[in-house]
Amino acid sequence: MKKNYSISVENMEQMLHAVPWIFSLGIGLIGIGLLAILFSSYSSHIQLKYLGGFVSILGCFEGIHSFKITQWSHFFLHEFMSILYIIGGLFIAFNPITDEAFATLLHAFFFIISGILRIIFSFEQETLHKPWLFLNGTLTCIIGLCIAYKWPEFWVIGALIGTDAIMTGWTWIMLSYEGRKLQNK
C-alpha cells in the first residue's frame, strides 16, 4: 500500500538533497547523547556547565534546521524551540546553580516544554518520520516528568538528557532512512 504524504515537491526535493546531512546529524546527536550518559556522574558544577553547553548546541542544530523550513508556522515553532534550547543552555552554563533542587526543576520544565513542542510538531507537520517524532516528544515529556517527580538525584539529569539526545538522533536517522527509500524509488 502506497503512503500519501502531503509534502510539497519543493520540500521533498530539499529533504532528498539533505539526506546525508540529516543522517550525520542523527549520528552526531547519538554520539553527544552517549557522552552525556558517560559523564553524568561528574560534580554538579561541572555537570551544569557541560549540560548547559550541550543543550545550547542542540538549540543551534534546531535553529539551523528551522531555516530549511518553508512554511512560516512551522518555522516559528522550530525557532521558538531553538531559542528555548539556546537561552536555557546558556543560562545553565554561565550561571552555575548551587541549589540542586532548582536545577532539577529547571531541567524538568525544559524537557516538558520541549516534549510538548515535539508532539505538536508531529501533529502539525506531514512528515515521513511522524511516528518517531511523536514517540520522541512523548519520551521527552516523560523524561521531564521523571526529573521533576521521581529522581531528584542530580546525576540522573545527565543520563536522561543523553537518552533524549539519543532518541532525537534516532528520529533524524529514521527520517534519513525514509528519504533514502524515496530516492531509490
Protein backbone atom coordinates (compact mmCIF):
# COMPACT_ATOMS: atom_id res chain seq x y z
CA MET A 1 0.00 0.00 0.00
CA LYS A 2 1.46 3.35 -1.05
CA LYS A 3 1.64 6.09 1.58
CA ASN A 4 0.43 9.51 0.54
CA TYR A 5 2.14 12.42 2.23
CA SER A 6 1.01 15.97 1.58
CA ILE A 7 4.54 17.32 1.32
CA SER A 8 5.19 19.90 -1.35
CA VAL A 9 7.52 18.98 -4.20
CA GLU A 10 9.91 21.74 -3.11
CA ASN A 11 10.07 20.41 0.46
CA MET A 12 10.52 16.85 -0.80
CA GLU A 13 13.41 17.87 -3.08
CA GLN A 14 15.08 19.77 -0.23
CA MET A 15 14.72 16.79 2.07
CA LEU A 16 16.09 14.35 -0.51
CA HIS A 17 19.17 16.52 -1.05
CA ALA A 18 19.69 16.78 2.71
CA VAL A 19 19.54 13.02 3.45
CA PRO A 20 23.31 12.75 4.16
CA TRP A 21 23.16 15.85 6.41
CA ILE A 22 20.13 14.50 8.26
CA PHE A 23 21.83 11.13 8.79
CA SER A 24 25.03 12.83 10.01
CA LEU A 25 23.03 14.99 12.39
CA GLY A 26 21.40 11.86 13.83
CA ILE A 27 24.75 10.12 14.30
CA GLY A 28 26.19 13.26 15.93
CA LEU A 29 23.29 13.54 18.36
CA ILE A 30 23.62 9.88 19.31
CA GLY A 31 27.34 10.44 19.96
CA ILE A 32 26.68 13.53 22.07
CA GLY A 33 23.96 11.63 23.94
CA LEU A 34 26.35 8.80 24.75
CA LEU A 35 28.85 11.36 26.08
CA ALA A 36 26.11 12.90 28.22
CA ILE A 37 25.37 9.49 29.72
CA LEU A 38 29.04 8.63 30.25
CA PHE A 39 29.82 11.91 32.03
CA SER A 40 26.61 12.13 34.04
CA SER A 41 28.31 11.33 37.35
CA TYR A 42 30.56 14.43 37.49
CA SER A 43 30.13 17.04 40.17
CA SER A 44 27.09 19.26 39.83
CA HIS A 45 29.06 22.39 38.91
CA ILE A 46 30.96 20.76 36.04
CA GLN A 47 27.86 18.84 35.00
CA LEU A 48 25.78 22.00 34.76
CA LYS A 49 28.37 23.72 32.54
CA TYR A 50 28.61 20.63 30.33
CA LEU A 51 24.86 20.14 30.15
CA GLY A 52 24.27 23.85 29.51
CA GLY A 53 26.70 23.76 26.59
CA PHE A 54 25.14 20.55 25.32
CA VAL A 55 21.62 21.98 25.41
CA SER A 56 22.85 25.14 23.62
CA ILE A 57 24.39 23.01 20.86
CA LEU A 58 21.07 21.20 20.43
CA GLY A 59 19.41 24.64 20.13
CA CYS A 60 21.85 25.63 17.39
CA PHE A 61 21.03 22.44 15.46
CA GLU A 62 17.32 23.19 15.82
CA GLY A 63 17.88 26.80 14.68
CA ILE A 64 19.79 25.69 11.58
CA HIS A 65 17.03 23.23 10.77
CA SER A 66 14.36 25.93 11.13
CA PHE A 67 15.85 27.91 8.22
CA LYS A 68 15.31 24.93 5.92
CA ILE A 69 11.55 25.07 6.55
CA THR A 70 9.38 26.90 4.03
CA GLN A 71 6.10 27.22 5.96
CA TRP A 72 6.04 30.16 8.38
CA SER A 73 4.03 28.42 11.10
CA HIS A 74 6.50 25.52 11.23
CA PHE A 75 9.44 27.92 11.05
CA PHE A 76 8.27 29.83 14.13
CA LEU A 77 7.64 26.64 16.13
CA HIS A 78 11.16 25.41 15.37
CA GLU A 79 12.66 28.84 16.06
CA PHE A 80 10.85 29.00 19.42
CA MET A 81 12.24 25.60 20.34
CA SER A 82 15.72 26.66 19.20
CA ILE A 83 15.60 29.84 21.28
CA LEU A 84 14.34 27.87 24.28
CA TYR A 85 17.27 25.46 23.98
CA ILE A 86 19.91 28.15 23.45
CA ILE A 87 18.76 30.53 26.20
CA GLY A 88 18.15 27.69 28.66
CA GLY A 89 21.53 26.13 27.88
CA LEU A 90 23.44 29.40 28.17
CA PHE A 91 21.67 30.25 31.42
CA ILE A 92 22.62 26.90 32.88
CA ALA A 93 26.22 27.05 31.59
CA PHE A 94 27.04 30.60 32.72
CA ASN A 95 25.02 30.67 35.95
CA PRO A 96 26.07 27.52 37.74
CA ILE A 97 23.31 26.77 40.14
CA THR A 98 24.36 25.52 43.52
CA ASP A 99 20.84 24.60 44.51
CA GLU A 100 20.29 21.16 43.01
CA ALA A 101 16.53 21.33 43.58
CA PHE A 102 16.24 24.48 41.41
CA ALA A 103 18.49 22.96 38.71
CA THR A 104 16.35 19.84 38.69
CA LEU A 105 13.17 21.90 38.36
CA LEU A 106 14.72 23.96 35.52
CA HIS A 107 15.69 20.81 33.61
CA ALA A 108 12.26 19.26 34.16
CA PHE A 109 10.49 22.38 32.86
CA PHE A 110 12.78 22.48 29.81
CA PHE A 111 12.09 18.85 28.88
CA ILE A 112 8.35 19.01 29.43
CA ILE A 113 8.04 22.10 27.17
CA SER A 114 10.39 20.57 24.60
CA GLY A 115 8.41 17.31 24.57
CA ILE A 116 5.11 19.15 24.15
CA LEU A 117 6.55 21.10 21.20
CA ARG A 118 7.76 17.88 19.55
CA ILE A 119 4.33 16.32 19.95
CA ILE A 120 2.78 19.45 18.39
CA PHE A 121 5.28 19.15 15.51
CA SER A 122 4.25 15.54 14.96
CA PHE A 123 0.59 16.53 14.56
CA GLU A 124 1.23 19.81 12.77
CA GLN A 125 3.62 18.58 10.10
CA GLU A 126 3.09 16.00 7.41
CA THR A 127 6.43 14.26 7.50
CA LEU A 128 7.85 10.86 6.79
CA HIS A 129 9.01 10.21 10.36
CA LYS A 130 5.82 11.31 12.12
CA PRO A 131 5.55 8.27 14.46
CA TRP A 132 9.19 8.66 15.53
CA LEU A 133 8.71 12.37 16.15
CA PHE A 134 5.63 11.69 18.28
CA LEU A 135 7.48 8.97 20.24
CA ASN A 136 10.43 11.34 20.70
CA GLY A 137 8.14 14.06 22.10
CA THR A 138 6.36 11.62 24.37
CA LEU A 139 9.62 10.26 25.77
CA THR A 140 10.96 13.80 26.24
CA CYS A 141 7.85 14.68 28.30
CA ILE A 142 8.27 11.51 30.34
CA ILE A 143 11.94 12.38 30.93
CA GLY A 144 10.89 15.82 32.16
CA LEU A 145 8.31 14.32 34.49
CA CYS A 146 10.84 11.77 35.78
CA ILE A 147 13.33 14.56 36.52
CA ALA A 148 10.64 16.57 38.32
CA TYR A 149 8.99 13.84 40.38
CA LYS A 150 10.85 10.57 40.58
CA TRP A 151 14.59 11.08 40.64
CA PRO A 152 15.82 14.15 42.47
CA GLU A 153 19.36 12.74 42.44
CA PHE A 154 21.36 15.18 40.40
CA TRP A 155 23.42 12.74 38.30
CA VAL A 156 20.26 11.33 36.72
CA ILE A 157 19.71 14.56 34.78
CA GLY A 158 22.77 13.90 32.59
CA ALA A 159 21.68 10.33 31.90
CA LEU A 160 18.18 11.45 30.92
CA ILE A 161 19.47 14.29 28.72
CA GLY A 162 21.72 11.78 26.99
CA THR A 163 18.76 9.46 26.49
CA ASP A 164 16.79 12.33 24.95
CA ALA A 165 19.65 13.16 22.58
CA ILE A 166 19.96 9.52 21.51
CA MET A 167 16.21 9.35 20.80
CA THR A 168 16.36 12.64 18.88
CA GLY A 169 19.32 11.34 16.87
CA TRP A 170 17.44 8.13 16.11
CA THR A 171 14.45 10.18 14.92
CA TRP A 172 16.71 12.04 12.46
CA ILE A 173 18.28 8.76 11.28
CA MET A 174 14.80 7.34 10.61
CA LEU A 175 13.92 10.45 8.61
CA SER A 176 17.06 9.97 6.51
CA TYR A 177 16.14 6.29 6.06
CA GLU A 178 12.68 7.24 4.78
CA GLY A 179 14.27 9.82 2.47
CA ARG A 180 16.73 7.23 1.17
CA LYS A 181 13.82 4.87 0.40
CA LEU A 182 12.17 7.66 -1.61
CA GLN A 183 15.41 8.34 -3.50
CA ASN A 184 15.64 4.68 -4.52
CA LYS A 185 12.11 4.63 -5.98
